[in-house]
Amino acid sequence: PVVRARLTVGGATREGLATGHTLPDARLRALADAARFFGLELPEEAQWVEYDPEDGPNTTDLDAEVEEVAAPAPRAALPPAPPRDPQMEKARQHIQDLIEQLKAAGKAKEATQALMRGYGESLEESRAIYKELQAILRG
């Protein structure tokens, strides 16, 4: 599955796009991708909980799991994330801006299909995706 996550912190919104073998894996990776734009690194084995604006996060399942586990297994330290290329960050932001324009134009489905392979691994790939999205916008 491919998942696109939107994370808003302090009024600033960032989006992440990821794939995974299962829907929960893809969700976690998309959220982590969006969080990296804020300079956050999420643990590799983070867990999802339901959130209700009135009641807050539902952590009852997490509390039950903590009771089941007597001693946590030691985790290997994760290598630091590679530094992000400022040009790639700028290209990703341009793509996100164009996606918002496509949504406003009612062409979100076509944009999603174009983004199935992600935002691009290189600047050239990102430019090609941007051009493809522009062509969709022009109709």
Protein backbone atom coordinates (compact mmCIF):
# COMPACT_ATOMS: atom_id res chain seq x y z
CA PRO A 1 0.00 0.00 0.00
CA VAL A 2 0.96 3.63 -0.59
CA VAL A 3 0.07 6.14 2.13
CA ARG A 4 0.23 9.90 2.13
CA ALA A 5 0.32 11.47 5.60
CA ARG A 6 -0.24 15.09 6.52
CA LEU A 7 1.29 16.41 9.75
CA THR A 8 0.48 19.87 11.12
CA VAL A 9 2.61 21.34 13.91
CA GLY A 10 2.20 24.93 15.05
CA GLY A 11 0.24 25.84 11.93
CA ALA A 12 2.87 24.49 9.52
CA THR A 13 1.81 21.47 7.49
CA ARG A 14 4.13 18.93 5.91
CA GLU A 15 3.29 15.81 3.94
CA GLY A 16 4.98 12.47 3.70
CA LEU A 17 4.55 9.70 1.17
CA ALA A 18 5.60 6.10 1.75
CA THR A 19 4.99 2.50 0.83
CA GLY A 20 5.04 -0.59 2.97
CA HIS A 21 4.32 -4.30 2.99
CA THR A 22 1.26 -3.67 5.17
CA LEU A 23 -0.99 -0.67 5.66
CA PRO A 24 0.29 -0.02 9.22
CA ASP A 25 3.90 -0.09 7.95
CA ALA A 26 3.10 2.36 5.16
CA ARG A 27 1.26 4.64 7.61
CA LEU A 28 4.19 4.73 9.98
CA ARG A 29 6.70 5.41 7.21
CA ALA A 30 4.56 8.21 5.72
CA LEU A 31 4.21 9.84 9.14
CA ALA A 32 7.95 9.54 9.76
CA ASP A 33 8.62 11.09 6.34
CA ALA A 34 6.41 14.07 7.18
CA ALA A 35 7.95 14.40 10.67
CA ARG A 36 11.47 14.59 9.24
CA PHE A 37 10.55 17.94 7.67
CA PHE A 38 10.20 19.29 11.21
CA GLY A 39 13.57 17.84 12.21
CA LEU A 40 12.00 14.96 14.17
CA GLU A 41 13.26 11.41 14.07
CA LEU A 42 10.73 8.74 15.00
CA PRO A 43 11.74 5.40 16.47
CA GLU A 44 11.73 2.55 14.00
CA GLU A 45 9.08 0.65 15.97
CA ALA A 46 6.66 3.46 16.87
CA GLN A 47 3.03 2.53 17.54
CA TRP A 48 -0.25 4.08 16.44
CA VAL A 49 -3.04 4.97 18.84
CA GLU A 50 -6.50 6.38 18.27
CA TYR A 51 -6.86 10.05 19.19
CA ASP A 52 -10.07 11.76 20.29
CA PRO A 53 -9.93 15.58 20.57
CA GLU A 54 -12.09 15.44 23.71
CA ASP A 55 -10.61 12.39 25.46
CA GLY A 56 -7.05 12.55 24.13
CA PRO A 57 -4.98 9.55 22.99
CA ASN A 58 -6.30 6.06 23.72
CA THR A 59 -3.25 4.35 25.23
CA THR A 60 -5.03 1.43 26.90
CA ASP A 61 -3.64 -1.03 24.35
CA LEU A 62 -0.13 0.32 24.90
CA ASP A 63 -0.50 0.00 28.68
CA ALA A 64 -1.56 -3.65 28.27
CA GLU A 65 1.47 -4.38 26.08
CA VAL A 66 3.82 -2.83 28.64
CA GLU A 67 2.44 -5.15 31.31
CA GLU A 68 2.93 -8.19 29.04
CA VAL A 69 6.58 -7.41 28.33
CA ALA A 70 8.78 -8.10 31.35
CA ALA A 71 12.08 -6.82 29.99
CA PRO A 72 12.45 -4.90 26.73
CA ALA A 73 14.84 -6.35 24.20
CA PRO A 74 17.93 -4.21 23.62
CA ARG A 75 17.74 -2.20 20.42
CA ALA A 76 20.65 -1.44 18.19
CA ALA A 77 21.37 2.24 17.73
CA LEU A 78 20.03 3.58 14.46
CA PRO A 79 22.49 5.30 12.17
CA PRO A 80 21.91 9.03 11.79
CA ALA A 81 19.65 10.03 8.93
CA PRO A 82 21.58 11.22 5.90
CA PRO A 83 21.60 14.99 5.50
CA ARG A 84 18.87 16.23 3.19
CA ASP A 85 19.78 18.13 0.07
CA PRO A 86 18.34 21.68 0.26
CA GLN A 87 17.49 21.54 -3.45
CA MET A 88 15.53 18.32 -2.92
CA GLU A 89 13.67 19.93 0.00
CA LYS A 90 12.80 22.88 -2.22
CA ALA A 91 11.69 20.56 -5.05
CA ARG A 92 9.49 18.59 -2.66
CA GLN A 93 7.89 21.81 -1.41
CA HIS A 94 7.17 22.89 -5.00
CA ILE A 95 5.54 19.51 -5.65
CA GLN A 96 3.44 19.85 -2.49
CA ASP A 97 2.31 23.34 -3.55
CA LEU A 98 1.33 21.99 -6.96
CA ILE A 99 -0.58 19.12 -5.30
CA GLU A 100 -2.62 21.69 -3.36
CA GLN A 101 -3.45 23.44 -6.65
CA LEU A 102 -4.48 20.11 -8.18
CA LYS A 103 -6.74 19.39 -5.20
CA ALA A 104 -8.38 22.78 -5.57
CA ALA A 105 -8.91 22.04 -9.28
CA GLY A 106 -10.54 18.67 -8.46
CA LYS A 107 -7.69 16.62 -9.93
CA ALA A 108 -6.42 14.95 -6.75
CA LYS A 109 -6.97 11.44 -8.13
CA GLU A 110 -4.75 12.08 -11.15
CA ALA A 111 -2.11 13.65 -8.90
CA THR A 112 -2.14 10.62 -6.61
CA GLN A 113 -1.61 8.31 -9.56
CA ALA A 114 1.36 10.41 -10.70
CA LEU A 115 2.86 10.24 -7.19
CA MET A 116 2.68 6.45 -6.86
CA ARG A 117 6.45 6.26 -7.25
CA GLY A 118 7.05 9.05 -4.71
CA TYR A 119 8.56 12.50 -5.07
CA GLY A 120 11.69 11.25 -6.81
CA GLU A 121 15.05 10.09 -5.53
CA SER A 122 17.03 12.70 -7.43
CA LEU A 123 16.52 16.29 -8.48
CA GLU A 124 15.98 15.19 -12.09
CA GLU A 125 13.28 12.70 -11.06
CA SER A 126 11.57 15.36 -8.94
CA ARG A 127 11.60 17.77 -11.88
CA ALA A 128 10.05 15.11 -14.13
CA ILE A 129 7.29 14.48 -11.57
CA TYR A 130 6.69 18.22 -11.24
CA LYS A 131 6.35 18.55 -15.04
CA GLU A 132 3.93 15.61 -15.08
CA LEU A 133 1.83 17.27 -12.36
CA GLN A 134 1.86 20.58 -14.27
CA ALA A 135 0.55 18.79 -17.36
CA ILE A 136 -2.29 17.35 -15.29
CA LEU A 137 -3.13 20.81 -13.96
CA ARG A 138 -3.20 22.29 -17.45
CA GLY A 139 -5.55 19.48 -18.45
